[in-house]
Full PDB file with SEQRES, HELIX, SHEET, SSBOND, CRYST1, ORIGX, SCALE, CONECT and MASTER records, all heavy atoms in Angstrom:
SEQRES   1 A   34  VAL TYR ALA SER ASN GLU ARG GLU THR VAL VAL SER SER          
SEQRES   2 A   34  LEU ASP ILE PRO CYS SER LYS PRO LEU HIS GLN TRP THR          
SEQRES   3 A   34  GLN ALA GLY LEU ALA LEU LEU LEU                              
HELIX    1 AA1 HIS A   23  GLN A   27  1                                   5    
CRYST1    1.000    1.000    1.000  90.00  90.00  90.00 P 1           1          
ORIGX1      1.000000  0.000000  0.000000        0.00000                         
ORIGX2      0.000000  1.000000  0.000000        0.00000                         
ORIGX3      0.000000  0.000000  1.000000        0.00000                         
SCALE1      1.000000  0.000000  0.000000        0.00000                         
SCALE2      0.000000  1.000000  0.000000        0.00000                         
SCALE3      0.000000  0.000000  1.000000        0.00000                         
ATOM      1  N   VAL A   1      93.778 107.278  84.964  1.00  0.00           N  
ATOM      2  CA  VAL A   1      92.462 106.636  84.987  1.00  0.00           C  
ATOM      3  C   VAL A   1      91.438 107.765  85.022  1.00  0.00           C  
ATOM      4  O   VAL A   1      91.438 108.574  85.955  1.00  0.00           O  
ATOM      5  CB  VAL A   1      92.280 105.725  86.219  1.00  0.00           C  
ATOM      6  CG1 VAL A   1      90.909 105.075  86.203  1.00  0.00           C  
ATOM      7  CG2 VAL A   1      93.377 104.682  86.288  1.00  0.00           C  
ATOM      8  N   TYR A   2      90.599 107.824  83.997  1.00  0.00           N  
ATOM      9  CA  TYR A   2      89.559 108.854  83.904  1.00  0.00           C  
ATOM     10  C   TYR A   2      88.203 108.254  84.230  1.00  0.00           C  
ATOM     11  O   TYR A   2      87.960 107.072  83.994  1.00  0.00           O  
ATOM     12  CB  TYR A   2      89.511 109.444  82.491  1.00  0.00           C  
ATOM     13  CG  TYR A   2      90.716 110.256  82.123  1.00  0.00           C  
ATOM     14  CD1 TYR A   2      91.750 109.695  81.382  1.00  0.00           C  
ATOM     15  CD2 TYR A   2      90.835 111.586  82.512  1.00  0.00           C  
ATOM     16  CE1 TYR A   2      92.866 110.444  81.033  1.00  0.00           C  
ATOM     17  CE2 TYR A   2      91.947 112.338  82.170  1.00  0.00           C  
ATOM     18  CZ  TYR A   2      92.957 111.764  81.427  1.00  0.00           C  
ATOM     19  OH  TYR A   2      94.063 112.501  81.088  1.00  0.00           O  
ATOM     20  N   ALA A   3      87.311 109.094  84.736  1.00  0.00           N  
ATOM     21  CA  ALA A   3      85.963 108.640  85.077  1.00  0.00           C  
ATOM     22  C   ALA A   3      85.169 108.256  83.836  1.00  0.00           C  
ATOM     23  O   ALA A   3      84.325 107.372  83.891  1.00  0.00           O  
ATOM     24  CB  ALA A   3      85.225 109.718  85.870  1.00  0.00           C  
ATOM     25  N   SER A   4      85.438 108.895  82.697  1.00  0.00           N  
ATOM     26  CA  SER A   4      84.703 108.587  81.464  1.00  0.00           C  
ATOM     27  C   SER A   4      85.581 108.877  80.257  1.00  0.00           C  
ATOM     28  O   SER A   4      86.685 109.418  80.388  1.00  0.00           O  
ATOM     29  CB  SER A   4      83.418 109.408  81.386  1.00  0.00           C  
ATOM     30  OG  SER A   4      83.723 110.776  81.168  1.00  0.00           O  
ATOM     31  N   ASN A   5      85.064 108.562  79.076  1.00  0.00           N  
ATOM     32  CA  ASN A   5      85.849 108.779  77.860  1.00  0.00           C  
ATOM     33  C   ASN A   5      85.977 110.250  77.485  1.00  0.00           C  
ATOM     34  O   ASN A   5      86.751 110.586  76.591  1.00  0.00           O  
ATOM     35  CB  ASN A   5      85.277 107.962  76.692  1.00  0.00           C  
ATOM     36  CG  ASN A   5      83.866 108.370  76.325  1.00  0.00           C  
ATOM     37  OD1 ASN A   5      83.214 109.124  77.043  1.00  0.00           O  
ATOM     38  ND2 ASN A   5      83.389 107.844  75.222  1.00  0.00           N  
ATOM     39  N   GLU A   6      85.264 111.141  78.160  1.00  0.00           N  
ATOM     40  CA  GLU A   6      85.469 112.574  77.925  1.00  0.00           C  
ATOM     41  C   GLU A   6      86.790 113.057  78.521  1.00  0.00           C  
ATOM     42  O   GLU A   6      87.236 114.154  78.218  1.00  0.00           O  
ATOM     43  CB  GLU A   6      84.314 113.397  78.514  1.00  0.00           C  
ATOM     44  CG  GLU A   6      83.048 113.368  77.687  1.00  0.00           C  
ATOM     45  CD  GLU A   6      82.097 112.269  78.152  1.00  0.00           C  
ATOM     46  OE1 GLU A   6      82.125 111.917  79.359  1.00  0.00           O  
ATOM     47  OE2 GLU A   6      81.347 111.744  77.324  1.00  0.00           O  
ATOM     48  N   ARG A   7      87.376 112.263  79.394  1.00  0.00           N  
ATOM     49  CA  ARG A   7      88.669 112.560  80.020  1.00  0.00           C  
ATOM     50  C   ARG A   7      88.668 113.888  80.772  1.00  0.00           C  
ATOM     51  O   ARG A   7      89.638 114.634  80.750  1.00  0.00           O  
ATOM     52  CB  ARG A   7      89.798 112.549  78.983  1.00  0.00           C  
ATOM     53  CG  ARG A   7      90.033 111.203  78.337  1.00  0.00           C  
ATOM     54  CD  ARG A   7      91.249 111.248  77.453  1.00  0.00           C  
ATOM     55  NE  ARG A   7      91.505 109.968  76.820  1.00  0.00           N  
ATOM     56  CZ  ARG A   7      92.693 109.605  76.377  1.00  0.00           C  
ATOM     57  NH1 ARG A   7      93.720 110.416  76.494  1.00  0.00           N  
ATOM     58  NH2 ARG A   7      92.848 108.434  75.799  1.00  0.00           N  
ATOM     59  N   GLU A   8      87.587 114.170  81.447  1.00  0.00           N  
ATOM     60  CA  GLU A   8      87.497 115.415  82.205  1.00  0.00           C  
ATOM     61  C   GLU A   8      87.910 115.242  83.661  1.00  0.00           C  
ATOM     62  O   GLU A   8      88.497 116.135  84.246  1.00  0.00           O  
ATOM     63  CB  GLU A   8      86.063 115.960  82.135  1.00  0.00           C  
ATOM     64  CG  GLU A   8      85.666 116.418  80.743  1.00  0.00           C  
ATOM     65  CD  GLU A   8      84.215 116.843  80.658  1.00  0.00           C  
ATOM     66  OE1 GLU A   8      83.460 116.636  81.631  1.00  0.00           O  
ATOM     67  OE2 GLU A   8      83.841 117.374  79.612  1.00  0.00           O  
ATOM     68  N   THR A   9      87.591 114.087  84.240  1.00  0.00           N  
ATOM     69  CA  THR A   9      87.855 113.863  85.652  1.00  0.00           C  
ATOM     70  C   THR A   9      88.857 112.727  85.825  1.00  0.00           C  
ATOM     71  O   THR A   9      88.585 111.593  85.460  1.00  0.00           O  
ATOM     72  CB  THR A   9      86.540 113.499  86.392  1.00  0.00           C  
ATOM     73  OG1 THR A   9      85.584 114.526  86.151  1.00  0.00           O  
ATOM     74  CG2 THR A   9      86.776 113.358  87.878  1.00  0.00           C  
ATOM     75  N   VAL A  10      90.023 113.063  86.383  1.00  0.00           N  
ATOM     76  CA  VAL A  10      91.052 112.056  86.655  1.00  0.00           C  
ATOM     77  C   VAL A  10      90.757 111.420  88.010  1.00  0.00           C  
ATOM     78  O   VAL A  10      90.568 112.112  89.000  1.00  0.00           O  
ATOM     79  CB  VAL A  10      92.459 112.683  86.662  1.00  0.00           C  
ATOM     80  CG1 VAL A  10      93.511 111.652  87.034  1.00  0.00           C  
ATOM     81  CG2 VAL A  10      92.779 113.307  85.326  1.00  0.00           C  
ATOM     82  N   VAL A  11      90.713 110.103  88.019  1.00  0.00           N  
ATOM     83  CA  VAL A  11      90.465 109.361  89.247  1.00  0.00           C  
ATOM     84  C   VAL A  11      91.785 109.015  89.927  1.00  0.00           C  
ATOM     85  O   VAL A  11      91.939 109.160  91.135  1.00  0.00           O  
ATOM     86  CB  VAL A  11      89.663 108.072  88.949  1.00  0.00           C  
ATOM     87  CG1 VAL A  11      89.514 107.212  90.185  1.00  0.00           C  
ATOM     88  CG2 VAL A  11      88.309 108.418  88.354  1.00  0.00           C  
ATOM     89  N   SER A  12      92.747 108.572  89.142  1.00  0.00           N  
ATOM     90  CA  SER A  12      94.034 108.132  89.668  1.00  0.00           C  
ATOM     91  C   SER A  12      94.977 107.889  88.495  1.00  0.00           C  
ATOM     92  O   SER A  12      94.653 108.216  87.358  1.00  0.00           O  
ATOM     93  CB  SER A  12      93.838 106.844  90.469  1.00  0.00           C  
ATOM     94  OG  SER A  12      95.038 106.458  91.079  1.00  0.00           O  
ATOM     95  N   SER A  13      96.106 107.276  88.771  1.00  0.00           N  
ATOM     96  CA  SER A  13      97.038 106.804  87.746  1.00  0.00           C  
ATOM     97  C   SER A  13      97.519 105.423  88.152  1.00  0.00           C  
ATOM     98  O   SER A  13      97.735 105.165  89.342  1.00  0.00           O  
ATOM     99  CB  SER A  13      98.250 107.728  87.611  1.00  0.00           C  
ATOM    100  OG  SER A  13      97.864 108.985  87.140  1.00  0.00           O  
ATOM    101  N   LEU A  14      97.679 104.547  87.168  1.00  0.00           N  
ATOM    102  CA  LEU A  14      98.161 103.197  87.430  1.00  0.00           C  
ATOM    103  C   LEU A  14      99.354 102.898  86.539  1.00  0.00           C  
ATOM    104  O   LEU A  14      99.413 103.372  85.396  1.00  0.00           O  
ATOM    105  CB  LEU A  14      97.060 102.167  87.162  1.00  0.00           C  
ATOM    106  CG  LEU A  14      95.802 102.257  88.025  1.00  0.00           C  
ATOM    107  CD1 LEU A  14      94.789 101.198  87.593  1.00  0.00           C  
ATOM    108  CD2 LEU A  14      96.126 102.101  89.496  1.00  0.00           C  
ATOM    109  N   ASP A  15     100.297 102.120  87.049  1.00  0.00           N  
ATOM    110  CA  ASP A  15     101.457 101.699  86.268  1.00  0.00           C  
ATOM    111  C   ASP A  15     101.087 100.484  85.428  1.00  0.00           C  
ATOM    112  O   ASP A  15     100.471  99.539  85.933  1.00  0.00           O  
ATOM    113  CB  ASP A  15     102.630 101.340  87.181  1.00  0.00           C  
ATOM    114  CG  ASP A  15     103.242 102.550  87.858  1.00  0.00           C  
ATOM    115  OD1 ASP A  15     103.074 103.669  87.339  1.00  0.00           O  
ATOM    116  OD2 ASP A  15     103.888 102.366  88.903  1.00  0.00           O  
ATOM    117  N   ILE A  16     101.484 100.509  84.156  1.00  0.00           N  
ATOM    118  CA  ILE A  16     101.290  99.374  83.261  1.00  0.00           C  
ATOM    119  C   ILE A  16     102.654  98.994  82.699  1.00  0.00           C  
ATOM    120  O   ILE A  16     103.375  99.848  82.192  1.00  0.00           O  
ATOM    121  CB  ILE A  16     100.319  99.716  82.111  1.00  0.00           C  
ATOM    122  CG1 ILE A  16      98.926 100.015  82.664  1.00  0.00           C  
ATOM    123  CG2 ILE A  16     100.248  98.578  81.103  1.00  0.00           C  
ATOM    124  CD1 ILE A  16      97.883 100.338  81.605  1.00  0.00           C  
ATOM    125  N   PRO A  17     103.020  97.706  82.784  1.00  0.00           N  
ATOM    126  CA  PRO A  17     104.313  97.285  82.230  1.00  0.00           C  
ATOM    127  C   PRO A  17     104.313  97.446  80.717  1.00  0.00           C  
ATOM    128  O   PRO A  17     103.307  97.196  80.047  1.00  0.00           O  
ATOM    129  CB  PRO A  17     104.427  95.813  82.629  1.00  0.00           C  
ATOM    130  CG  PRO A  17     103.047  95.375  82.941  1.00  0.00           C  
ATOM    131  CD  PRO A  17     102.284  96.582  83.364  1.00  0.00           C  
ATOM    132  N   CYS A  18     105.469  97.883  80.189  1.00  0.00           N  
ATOM    133  CA  CYS A  18     105.558  98.147  78.752  1.00  0.00           C  
ATOM    134  C   CYS A  18     106.992  97.984  78.275  1.00  0.00           C  
ATOM    135  O   CYS A  18     107.911  97.814  79.061  1.00  0.00           O  
ATOM    136  CB  CYS A  18     105.064  99.552  78.439  1.00  0.00           C  
ATOM    137  SG  CYS A  18     106.083 100.845  79.177  1.00  0.00           S  
ATOM    138  N   SER A  19     107.149  98.072  76.978  1.00  0.00           N  
ATOM    139  CA  SER A  19     108.483  98.022  76.390  1.00  0.00           C  
ATOM    140  C   SER A  19     108.978  99.446  76.148  1.00  0.00           C  
ATOM    141  O   SER A  19     108.196 100.390  76.139  1.00  0.00           O  
ATOM    142  CB  SER A  19     108.430  97.249  75.073  1.00  0.00           C  
ATOM    143  OG  SER A  19     107.532  97.880  74.181  1.00  0.00           O  
ATOM    144  N   LYS A  20     110.272  99.573  75.937  1.00  0.00           N  
ATOM    145  CA  LYS A  20     110.851 100.881  75.627  1.00  0.00           C  
ATOM    146  C   LYS A  20     110.687 101.160  74.150  1.00  0.00           C  
ATOM    147  O   LYS A  20     110.519 100.236  73.368  1.00  0.00           O  
ATOM    148  CB  LYS A  20     112.335 100.900  76.012  1.00  0.00           C  
ATOM    149  CG  LYS A  20     112.539 100.973  77.494  1.00  0.00           C  
ATOM    150  CD  LYS A  20     114.015 101.162  77.804  1.00  0.00           C  
ATOM    151  CE  LYS A  20     114.196 101.331  79.294  1.00  0.00           C  
ATOM    152  NZ  LYS A  20     115.565 101.546  79.679  1.00  0.00           N  
ATOM    153  N   PRO A  21     110.738 102.351  73.703  1.00  0.00           N  
ATOM    154  CA  PRO A  21     110.858 103.600  74.449  1.00  0.00           C  
ATOM    155  C   PRO A  21     109.522 104.003  75.068  1.00  0.00           C  
ATOM    156  O   PRO A  21     108.458 103.792  74.487  1.00  0.00           O  
ATOM    157  CB  PRO A  21     111.302 104.602  73.395  1.00  0.00           C  
ATOM    158  CG  PRO A  21     110.767 104.074  72.114  1.00  0.00           C  
ATOM    159  CD  PRO A  21     110.753 102.580  72.254  1.00  0.00           C  
ATOM    160  N   LEU A  22     109.596 104.572  76.255  1.00  0.00           N  
ATOM    161  CA  LEU A  22     108.391 104.916  77.005  1.00  0.00           C  
ATOM    162  C   LEU A  22     107.580 106.027  76.347  1.00  0.00           C  
ATOM    163  O   LEU A  22     106.355 106.038  76.451  1.00  0.00           O  
ATOM    164  CB  LEU A  22     108.770 105.317  78.432  1.00  0.00           C  
ATOM    165  CG  LEU A  22     109.442 104.233  79.272  1.00  0.00           C  
ATOM    166  CD1 LEU A  22     109.771 104.759  80.654  1.00  0.00           C  
ATOM    167  CD2 LEU A  22     108.597 102.993  79.356  1.00  0.00           C  
ATOM    168  N   HIS A  23     108.250 106.945  75.659  1.00  0.00           N  
ATOM    169  CA  HIS A  23     107.527 108.069  75.062  1.00  0.00           C  
ATOM    170  C   HIS A  23     106.513 107.624  74.007  1.00  0.00           C  
ATOM    171  O   HIS A  23     105.526 108.299  73.771  1.00  0.00           O  
ATOM    172  CB  HIS A  23     108.494 109.102  74.480  1.00  0.00           C  
ATOM    173  CG  HIS A  23     109.192 108.634  73.236  1.00  0.00           C  
ATOM    174  ND1 HIS A  23     110.341 107.894  73.284  1.00  0.00           N  
ATOM    175  CD2 HIS A  23     108.877 108.795  71.924  1.00  0.00           C  
ATOM    176  CE1 HIS A  23     110.723 107.616  72.044  1.00  0.00           C  
ATOM    177  NE2 HIS A  23     109.851 108.146  71.201  1.00  0.00           N  
ATOM    178  N   GLN A  24     106.740 106.450  73.396  1.00  0.00           N  
ATOM    179  CA  GLN A  24     105.800 105.968  72.384  1.00  0.00           C  
ATOM    180  C   GLN A  24     104.421 105.710  72.986  1.00  0.00           C  
ATOM    181  O   GLN A  24     103.404 105.886  72.323  1.00  0.00           O  
ATOM    182  CB  GLN A  24     106.317 104.708  71.707  1.00  0.00           C  
ATOM    183  CG  GLN A  24     106.332 103.487  72.614  1.00  0.00           C  
ATOM    184  CD  GLN A  24     106.906 102.256  71.957  1.00  0.00           C  
ATOM    185  OE1 GLN A  24     106.955 102.164  70.754  1.00  0.00           O  
ATOM    186  NE2 GLN A  24     107.341 101.304  72.777  1.00  0.00           N  
ATOM    187  N   TRP A  25     104.381 105.305  74.239  1.00  0.00           N  
ATOM    188  CA  TRP A  25     103.102 105.015  74.893  1.00  0.00           C  
ATOM    189  C   TRP A  25     102.405 106.310  75.292  1.00  0.00           C  
ATOM    190  O   TRP A  25     101.179 106.406  75.219  1.00  0.00           O  
ATOM    191  CB  TRP A  25     103.320 104.099  76.088  1.00  0.00           C  
ATOM    192  CG  TRP A  25     103.961 102.818  75.670  1.00  0.00           C  
ATOM    193  CD1 TRP A  25     105.234 102.394  75.956  1.00  0.00           C  
ATOM    194  CD2 TRP A  25     103.386 101.803  74.830  1.00  0.00           C  
ATOM    195  NE1 TRP A  25     105.472 101.189  75.356  1.00  0.00           N  
ATOM    196  CE2 TRP A  25     104.347 100.791  74.659  1.00  0.00           C  
ATOM    197  CE3 TRP A  25     102.149 101.651  74.213  1.00  0.00           C  
ATOM    198  CZ2 TRP A  25     104.126  99.646  73.910  1.00  0.00           C  
ATOM    199  CZ3 TRP A  25     101.912 100.513  73.461  1.00  0.00           C  
ATOM    200  CH2 TRP A  25     102.895  99.533  73.314  1.00  0.00           C  
ATOM    201  N   THR A  26     103.174 107.311  75.680  1.00  0.00           N  
ATOM    202  CA  THR A  26     102.584 108.602  75.990  1.00  0.00           C  
ATOM    203  C   THR A  26     102.001 109.225  74.726  1.00  0.00           C  
ATOM    204  O   THR A  26     100.899 109.773  74.734  1.00  0.00           O  
ATOM    205  CB  THR A  26     103.643 109.546  76.608  1.00  0.00           C  
ATOM    206  OG1 THR A  26     104.217 108.894  77.753  1.00  0.00           O  
ATOM    207  CG2 THR A  26     103.026 110.865  77.021  1.00  0.00           C  
ATOM    208  N   GLN A  27     102.733 109.112  73.630  1.00  0.00           N  
ATOM    209  CA  GLN A  27     102.255 109.652  72.350  1.00  0.00           C  
ATOM    210  C   GLN A  27     101.012 108.927  71.848  1.00  0.00           C  
ATOM    211  O   GLN A  27     100.222 109.499  71.100  1.00  0.00           O  
ATOM    212  CB  GLN A  27     103.359 109.579  71.298  1.00  0.00           C  
ATOM    213  CG  GLN A  27     104.501 110.519  71.575  1.00  0.00           C  
ATOM    214  CD  GLN A  27     105.683 110.299  70.642  1.00  0.00           C  
ATOM    215  OE1 GLN A  27     105.821 109.243  70.024  1.00  0.00           O  
ATOM    216  NE2 GLN A  27     106.551 111.303  70.570  1.00  0.00           N  
ATOM    217  N   ALA A  28     100.807 107.681  72.249  1.00  0.00           N  
ATOM    218  CA  ALA A  28      99.623 106.930  71.829  1.00  0.00           C  
ATOM    219  C   ALA A  28      98.366 107.415  72.546  1.00  0.00           C  
ATOM    220  O   ALA A  28      97.268 107.014  72.200  1.00  0.00           O  
ATOM    221  CB  ALA A  28      99.836 105.439  72.089  1.00  0.00           C  
ATOM    222  N   GLY A  29      98.530 108.268  73.554  1.00  0.00           N  
ATOM    223  CA  GLY A  29      97.380 108.805  74.267  1.00  0.00           C  
ATOM    224  C   GLY A  29      96.702 107.778  75.158  1.00  0.00           C  
ATOM    225  O   GLY A  29      95.485 107.778  75.295  1.00  0.00           O  
ATOM    226  N   LEU A  30      97.498 106.936  75.785  1.00  0.00           N  
ATOM    227  CA  LEU A  30      96.945 105.893  76.654  1.00  0.00           C  
ATOM    228  C   LEU A  30      96.103 106.482  77.773  1.00  0.00           C  
ATOM    229  O   LEU A  30      96.466 107.482  78.390  1.00  0.00           O  
ATOM    230  CB  LEU A  30      98.057 105.075  77.299  1.00  0.00           C  
ATOM    231  CG  LEU A  30      98.858 104.136  76.447  1.00  0.00           C  
ATOM    232  CD1 LEU A  30      99.856 103.382  77.297  1.00  0.00           C  
ATOM    233  CD2 LEU A  30      97.971 103.181  75.707  1.00  0.00           C  
ATOM    234  N   ALA A  31      94.994 105.823  78.043  1.00  0.00           N  
ATOM    235  CA  ALA A  31      94.147 106.207  79.182  1.00  0.00           C  
ATOM    236  C   ALA A  31      93.318 104.997  79.586  1.00  0.00           C  
ATOM    237  O   ALA A  31      92.899 104.201  78.745  1.00  0.00           O  
ATOM    238  CB  ALA A  31      93.236 107.355  78.802  1.00  0.00           C  
ATOM    239  N   LEU A  32      93.125 104.871  80.874  1.00  0.00           N  
ATOM    240  CA  LEU A  32      92.187 103.888  81.410  1.00  0.00           C  
ATOM    241  C   LEU A  32      90.893 104.639  81.706  1.00  0.00           C  
ATOM    242  O   LEU A  32      90.930 105.768  82.224  1.00  0.00           O  
ATOM    243  CB  LEU A  32      92.748 103.231  82.673  1.00  0.00           C  
ATOM    244  CG  LEU A  32      93.892 102.260  82.424  1.00  0.00           C  
ATOM    245  CD1 LEU A  32      94.674 101.994  83.717  1.00  0.00           C  
ATOM    246  CD2 LEU A  32      93.355 100.946  81.853  1.00  0.00           C  
ATOM    247  N   LEU A  33      89.772 104.021  81.397  1.00  0.00           N  
ATOM    248  CA  LEU A  33      88.462 104.653  81.560  1.00  0.00           C  
ATOM    249  C   LEU A  33      87.594 103.786  82.451  1.00  0.00           C  
ATOM    250  O   LEU A  33      87.546 102.560  82.277  1.00  0.00           O  
ATOM    251  CB  LEU A  33      87.784 104.832  80.209  1.00  0.00           C  
ATOM    252  CG  LEU A  33      88.630 105.431  79.073  1.00  0.00           C  
ATOM    253  CD1 LEU A  33      87.899 105.318  77.751  1.00  0.00           C  
ATOM    254  CD2 LEU A  33      88.964 106.876  79.385  1.00  0.00           C  
ATOM    255  N   LEU A  34      86.896 104.420  83.391  1.00  0.00           N  
ATOM    256  CA  LEU A  34      85.954 103.655  84.206  1.00  0.00           C  
ATOM    257  C   LEU A  34      84.715 103.300  83.404  1.00  0.00           C  
ATOM    258  O   LEU A  34      84.180 102.212  83.527  1.00  0.00           O  
ATOM    259  CB  LEU A  34      85.551 104.432  85.450  1.00  0.00           C  
ATOM    260  CG  LEU A  34      86.645 104.689  86.478  1.00  0.00           C  
ATOM    261  CD1 LEU A  34      86.068 105.346  87.712  1.00  0.00           C  
ATOM    262  CD2 LEU A  34      87.355 103.407  86.854  1.00  0.00           C  
TER     263      LEU A  34                                                      
MASTER        0    0    0    1    0    0    0    6  262    1    0    3          
END                                                                             
């Protein structure tokens, strides 16, 4: 979870349910933005 779309300040991390393979979601560049 980043404070803004610049992705400079990490606020936290949250778990999101997903399907396998997990690496596909990491490669998609997932981020939550405040």
